[in-house]
Amino acid sequence: MPITAFLFAAVDSPPVIMGTIYGDTAGRFREGASMRTSRITSVSFIDGYSLFQTVAGSLYVVVSWAIGGGNLYMNRIYH
């Protein structure tokens, strides 16, 4: 599955991820815009990066997490 975009200063706020987006291949967001994903359906970890797939079929790579505990993905439960 191709990567949709990269998120910086991401905050995990189940059931979504929020952050600053770059490289949006779908052209929905301008570079550096704040955004929130649709509902996250799965997460995987590759080479130290977290990849989040959404119900809409997008795949986001978290490049960095927001300072102050934005990385809460270990508390997620996926069905």
Protein backbone atom coordinates (compact mmCIF):
# COMPACT_ATOMS: atom_id res chain seq x y z
CA MET A 1 0.00 0.00 0.00
CA PRO A 2 1.49 3.39 -0.95
CA ILE A 3 2.11 6.02 1.71
CA THR A 4 -0.44 8.82 1.70
CA ALA A 5 1.53 11.38 3.73
CA PHE A 6 3.98 12.00 6.56
CA LEU A 7 2.97 13.42 9.95
CA PHE A 8 5.21 15.52 12.19
CA ALA A 9 4.53 16.50 15.83
CA ALA A 10 1.83 13.85 15.81
CA VAL A 11 -0.60 13.32 18.67
CA ASP A 12 -2.34 9.99 19.11
CA SER A 13 -5.93 10.78 20.06
CA PRO A 14 -7.85 7.54 19.51
CA PRO A 15 -9.55 6.83 17.29
CA VAL A 16 -7.55 9.32 15.15
CA ILE A 17 -4.05 10.78 14.75
CA MET A 18 -3.48 14.52 14.52
CA GLY A 19 -0.38 16.31 13.33
CA THR A 20 1.35 18.50 10.79
CA ILE A 21 1.18 16.94 7.34
CA TYR A 22 3.75 16.90 4.54
CA GLY A 23 3.91 15.07 1.24
CA ASP A 24 0.18 14.45 0.86
CA THR A 25 -0.01 12.38 -2.32
CA ALA A 26 -3.80 12.77 -2.44
CA GLY A 27 -3.50 16.57 -2.61
CA ARG A 28 -6.07 17.18 0.12
CA PHE A 29 -3.83 19.19 2.47
CA ARG A 30 -1.29 21.94 1.89
CA GLU A 31 2.27 21.37 3.14
CA GLY A 32 2.56 22.08 6.86
CA ALA A 33 -1.17 22.12 7.55
CA SER A 34 -2.58 20.77 10.79
CA MET A 35 -4.86 17.81 10.17
CA ARG A 36 -6.60 14.85 11.73
CA THR A 37 -7.02 11.49 10.10
CA SER A 38 -10.15 9.44 9.73
CA ARG A 39 -10.52 6.54 12.19
CA ILE A 40 -7.37 4.43 12.52
CA THR A 41 -7.93 0.74 11.73
CA SER A 42 -4.40 -0.66 12.10
CA VAL A 43 -0.87 0.24 13.05
CA SER A 44 2.46 -1.30 12.10
CA PHE A 45 6.05 -0.52 12.95
CA ILE A 46 8.78 -0.53 10.31
CA ASP A 47 12.38 0.58 10.84
CA GLY A 48 11.47 2.63 13.90
CA TYR A 49 8.51 4.39 12.28
CA SER A 50 4.82 4.01 13.12
CA LEU A 51 2.49 3.52 10.16
CA PHE A 52 -1.22 4.14 10.66
CA GLN A 53 -3.86 2.93 8.23
CA THR A 54 -7.27 4.60 8.24
CA VAL A 55 -10.80 3.46 7.53
CA ALA A 56 -10.66 5.65 4.40
CA GLY A 57 -7.71 3.61 3.12
CA SER A 58 -4.97 6.18 3.76
CA LEU A 59 -1.56 5.24 5.17
CA TYR A 60 0.28 7.79 7.29
CA VAL A 61 3.88 7.59 8.51
CA VAL A 62 4.57 9.31 11.83
CA VAL A 63 7.98 10.95 11.50
CA SER A 64 7.93 12.59 14.94
CA TRP A 65 5.68 12.72 17.97
CA ALA A 66 4.57 15.88 19.76
CA ILE A 67 6.59 16.75 22.83
CA GLY A 68 4.91 15.86 26.08
CA GLY A 69 3.46 12.39 25.68
CA GLY A 70 1.81 12.55 22.29
CA ASN A 71 2.85 8.96 21.64
CA LEU A 72 0.05 6.87 23.15
CA TYR A 73 -0.18 4.18 20.47
CA MET A 74 0.71 1.37 22.88
CA ASN A 75 -2.71 1.87 24.52
CA ARG A 76 -4.61 1.16 21.29
CA ILE A 77 -6.77 -1.89 20.79
CA TYR A 78 -7.47 -3.00 17.23
CA HIS A 79 -10.19 -5.40 16.14
